[in-house]
Amino acid sequence: LDYYLGPSVAGMPGQSQANVPIIRMFGVTDSGNSVCCHVHGFAPYFYVPAPNGFKPDYLGEFKRELNSVVLKDMRSNK
């Protein structure tokens, strides 16, 4: 599994952007042939379960903190 940024494909649903994430999936068929699939139109995401007692009022601060931590990590891993 890998990804890269590439041009968006005309006719794909969603907003038109110059560069979009394209995921590469690698595998092997039943007959032993190697396969690489380029998946367009997928936006990477992850799921964070809310802890007990989490209220909608906390969403703004949680989002700001999460974005800050992710951005800091991305900058340090160049």
N, C-alpha and C. Protein backbone atom coordinates (compact mmCIF):
# COMPACT_ATOMS: atom_id res chain seq x y z
N LEU A 1 0.86 -1.17 0.00
CA LEU A 1 0.00 0.00 0.00
C LEU A 1 0.90 1.23 0.00
N ASP A 2 0.58 2.16 -0.86
CA ASP A 2 1.37 3.37 -1.03
C ASP A 2 0.45 4.43 -1.60
N TYR A 3 0.87 5.68 -1.59
CA TYR A 3 0.06 6.72 -2.24
C TYR A 3 0.96 7.79 -2.82
N TYR A 4 0.40 8.56 -3.73
CA TYR A 4 1.09 9.70 -4.31
C TYR A 4 0.03 10.73 -4.69
N LEU A 5 0.45 11.94 -4.99
CA LEU A 5 -0.47 12.98 -5.44
C LEU A 5 -0.38 13.07 -6.95
N GLY A 6 -1.55 13.12 -7.59
CA GLY A 6 -1.59 13.21 -9.04
C GLY A 6 -2.79 14.01 -9.49
N PRO A 7 -2.90 14.27 -10.78
CA PRO A 7 -4.01 15.08 -11.29
C PRO A 7 -5.35 14.37 -11.08
N SER A 8 -6.39 15.16 -10.82
CA SER A 8 -7.72 14.58 -10.66
C SER A 8 -8.23 14.09 -12.01
N VAL A 9 -9.11 13.12 -11.97
CA VAL A 9 -9.68 12.54 -13.18
C VAL A 9 -11.00 13.24 -13.49
N ALA A 10 -11.17 13.70 -14.71
CA ALA A 10 -12.40 14.38 -15.11
C ALA A 10 -13.59 13.45 -14.91
N GLY A 11 -14.67 13.99 -14.38
CA GLY A 11 -15.89 13.21 -14.20
C GLY A 11 -16.00 12.52 -12.86
N MET A 12 -14.95 12.60 -12.03
CA MET A 12 -15.01 11.99 -10.70
C MET A 12 -15.88 12.86 -9.81
N PRO A 13 -16.65 12.25 -8.90
CA PRO A 13 -17.47 13.06 -7.99
C PRO A 13 -16.61 13.85 -7.01
N GLY A 14 -17.17 14.88 -6.43
CA GLY A 14 -16.45 15.70 -5.46
C GLY A 14 -15.88 16.94 -6.11
N GLN A 15 -15.20 17.72 -5.28
CA GLN A 15 -14.61 18.96 -5.77
C GLN A 15 -13.45 18.67 -6.70
N SER A 16 -13.32 19.50 -7.72
CA SER A 16 -12.21 19.37 -8.65
C SER A 16 -10.99 20.07 -8.05
N GLN A 17 -9.91 19.34 -7.92
CA GLN A 17 -8.67 19.88 -7.36
C GLN A 17 -7.53 19.58 -8.31
N ALA A 18 -6.49 20.39 -8.23
CA ALA A 18 -5.33 20.18 -9.11
C ALA A 18 -4.69 18.83 -8.85
N ASN A 19 -4.35 18.55 -7.60
CA ASN A 19 -3.73 17.27 -7.24
C ASN A 19 -4.56 16.60 -6.16
N VAL A 20 -4.74 15.30 -6.30
CA VAL A 20 -5.52 14.51 -5.35
C VAL A 20 -4.71 13.28 -4.95
N PRO A 21 -5.01 12.71 -3.77
CA PRO A 21 -4.31 11.48 -3.38
C PRO A 21 -4.74 10.31 -4.27
N ILE A 22 -3.77 9.52 -4.70
CA ILE A 22 -4.03 8.31 -5.47
C ILE A 22 -3.33 7.17 -4.72
N ILE A 23 -4.10 6.19 -4.32
CA ILE A 23 -3.56 5.08 -3.53
C ILE A 23 -3.15 3.96 -4.47
N ARG A 24 -1.96 3.40 -4.23
CA ARG A 24 -1.50 2.23 -4.99
C ARG A 24 -1.63 1.02 -4.08
N MET A 25 -2.33 0.01 -4.58
CA MET A 25 -2.47 -1.24 -3.84
C MET A 25 -1.78 -2.33 -4.65
N PHE A 26 -0.98 -3.13 -3.96
CA PHE A 26 -0.21 -4.18 -4.62
C PHE A 26 -0.72 -5.55 -4.17
N GLY A 27 -0.68 -6.51 -5.07
CA GLY A 27 -1.12 -7.85 -4.72
C GLY A 27 -0.67 -8.86 -5.75
N VAL A 28 -1.15 -10.09 -5.56
CA VAL A 28 -0.82 -11.20 -6.45
C VAL A 28 -2.11 -11.95 -6.76
N THR A 29 -2.33 -12.29 -8.03
CA THR A 29 -3.52 -13.04 -8.42
C THR A 29 -3.36 -14.50 -8.03
N ASP A 30 -4.45 -15.26 -8.13
CA ASP A 30 -4.40 -16.70 -7.83
C ASP A 30 -3.41 -17.43 -8.72
N SER A 31 -3.18 -16.91 -9.93
CA SER A 31 -2.23 -17.56 -10.84
C SER A 31 -0.81 -17.05 -10.69
N GLY A 32 -0.56 -16.16 -9.69
CA GLY A 32 0.79 -15.72 -9.40
C GLY A 32 1.24 -14.45 -10.09
N ASN A 33 0.35 -13.78 -10.81
CA ASN A 33 0.71 -12.53 -11.47
C ASN A 33 0.68 -11.37 -10.49
N SER A 34 1.69 -10.51 -10.56
CA SER A 34 1.72 -9.31 -9.72
C SER A 34 0.73 -8.28 -10.25
N VAL A 35 0.09 -7.56 -9.33
CA VAL A 35 -0.93 -6.58 -9.70
C VAL A 35 -0.68 -5.29 -8.93
N CYS A 36 -0.86 -4.15 -9.60
CA CYS A 36 -0.82 -2.84 -8.96
C CYS A 36 -2.09 -2.11 -9.38
N CYS A 37 -2.86 -1.68 -8.40
CA CYS A 37 -4.12 -0.98 -8.65
C CYS A 37 -4.00 0.46 -8.16
N HIS A 38 -4.26 1.43 -9.03
CA HIS A 38 -4.24 2.84 -8.67
C HIS A 38 -5.67 3.26 -8.35
N VAL A 39 -5.94 3.61 -7.10
CA VAL A 39 -7.29 3.94 -6.65
C VAL A 39 -7.44 5.46 -6.62
N HIS A 40 -8.28 5.99 -7.52
CA HIS A 40 -8.54 7.42 -7.59
C HIS A 40 -9.82 7.74 -6.83
N GLY A 41 -9.92 8.94 -6.30
CA GLY A 41 -11.15 9.39 -5.67
C GLY A 41 -11.31 8.97 -4.23
N PHE A 42 -10.25 8.52 -3.59
CA PHE A 42 -10.32 8.13 -2.19
C PHE A 42 -9.62 9.18 -1.36
N ALA A 43 -10.29 9.70 -0.36
CA ALA A 43 -9.68 10.68 0.54
C ALA A 43 -9.24 9.95 1.81
N PRO A 44 -7.94 9.92 2.09
CA PRO A 44 -7.47 9.24 3.30
C PRO A 44 -8.12 9.82 4.55
N TYR A 45 -8.41 8.97 5.49
CA TYR A 45 -9.01 9.40 6.75
C TYR A 45 -8.65 8.40 7.83
N PHE A 46 -8.91 8.74 9.04
CA PHE A 46 -8.81 7.77 10.12
C PHE A 46 -9.91 8.06 11.12
N TYR A 47 -10.19 7.10 11.97
CA TYR A 47 -11.30 7.18 12.92
C TYR A 47 -10.74 7.34 14.32
N VAL A 48 -11.29 8.27 15.06
CA VAL A 48 -10.90 8.47 16.46
C VAL A 48 -12.16 8.32 17.30
N PRO A 49 -12.26 7.26 18.11
CA PRO A 49 -13.46 7.12 18.94
C PRO A 49 -13.48 8.20 20.02
N ALA A 50 -14.65 8.74 20.26
CA ALA A 50 -14.79 9.77 21.30
C ALA A 50 -14.77 9.11 22.67
N PRO A 51 -14.02 9.69 23.60
CA PRO A 51 -13.98 9.12 24.96
C PRO A 51 -15.31 9.37 25.68
N ASN A 52 -15.56 8.61 26.73
CA ASN A 52 -16.76 8.80 27.53
C ASN A 52 -16.82 10.24 28.03
N GLY A 53 -17.99 10.83 27.95
CA GLY A 53 -18.16 12.20 28.43
C GLY A 53 -17.83 13.27 27.41
N PHE A 54 -17.41 12.88 26.21
CA PHE A 54 -17.07 13.86 25.17
C PHE A 54 -18.35 14.54 24.69
N LYS A 55 -18.34 15.86 24.63
CA LYS A 55 -19.53 16.62 24.24
C LYS A 55 -19.27 17.38 22.94
N PRO A 56 -20.33 17.68 22.19
CA PRO A 56 -20.16 18.44 20.94
C PRO A 56 -19.43 19.77 21.14
N ASP A 57 -19.54 20.35 22.32
CA ASP A 57 -18.85 21.62 22.60
C ASP A 57 -17.33 21.47 22.52
N TYR A 58 -16.82 20.26 22.66
CA TYR A 58 -15.37 20.01 22.65
C TYR A 58 -14.81 19.86 21.24
N LEU A 59 -15.68 19.74 20.23
CA LEU A 59 -15.22 19.44 18.87
C LEU A 59 -14.25 20.47 18.30
N GLY A 60 -14.55 21.75 18.47
CA GLY A 60 -13.68 22.80 17.90
C GLY A 60 -12.26 22.72 18.43
N GLU A 61 -12.12 22.64 19.74
CA GLU A 61 -10.78 22.55 20.35
C GLU A 61 -10.09 21.25 19.97
N PHE A 62 -10.84 20.15 19.94
CA PHE A 62 -10.26 18.86 19.57
C PHE A 62 -9.73 18.91 18.13
N LYS A 63 -10.52 19.49 17.22
CA LYS A 63 -10.10 19.60 15.82
C LYS A 63 -8.85 20.46 15.68
N ARG A 64 -8.81 21.59 16.37
CA ARG A 64 -7.62 22.47 16.31
C ARG A 64 -6.38 21.74 16.82
N GLU A 65 -6.52 21.06 17.95
CA GLU A 65 -5.37 20.35 18.53
C GLU A 65 -4.91 19.21 17.63
N LEU A 66 -5.86 18.44 17.10
CA LEU A 66 -5.51 17.33 16.21
C LEU A 66 -4.81 17.84 14.96
N ASN A 67 -5.34 18.88 14.33
CA ASN A 67 -4.70 19.46 13.14
C ASN A 67 -3.30 19.96 13.45
N SER A 68 -3.12 20.57 14.61
CA SER A 68 -1.81 21.09 15.01
C SER A 68 -0.80 19.96 15.16
N VAL A 69 -1.20 18.88 15.82
CA VAL A 69 -0.29 17.74 16.04
C VAL A 69 0.06 17.06 14.72
N VAL A 70 -0.93 16.86 13.86
CA VAL A 70 -0.68 16.21 12.56
C VAL A 70 0.24 17.07 11.70
N LEU A 71 -0.01 18.37 11.64
CA LEU A 71 0.83 19.28 10.86
C LEU A 71 2.27 19.29 11.39
N LYS A 72 2.43 19.32 12.70
CA LYS A 72 3.77 19.29 13.30
C LYS A 72 4.49 18.00 12.93
N ASP A 73 3.79 16.87 12.98
CA ASP A 73 4.39 15.59 12.64
C ASP A 73 4.78 15.54 11.16
N MET A 74 3.90 16.05 10.29
CA MET A 74 4.20 16.06 8.85
C MET A 74 5.44 16.90 8.55
N ARG A 75 5.57 18.03 9.21
CA ARG A 75 6.73 18.90 8.97
C ARG A 75 8.03 18.27 9.46
N SER A 76 7.96 17.48 10.52
CA SER A 76 9.18 16.88 11.07
C SER A 76 9.58 15.62 10.33
N ASN A 77 8.72 15.07 9.48
CA ASN A 77 9.01 13.82 8.77
C ASN A 77 9.30 14.02 7.30
N LYS A 78 9.72 15.20 6.89
CA LYS A 78 10.00 15.46 5.47
C LYS A 78 11.26 14.77 5.04
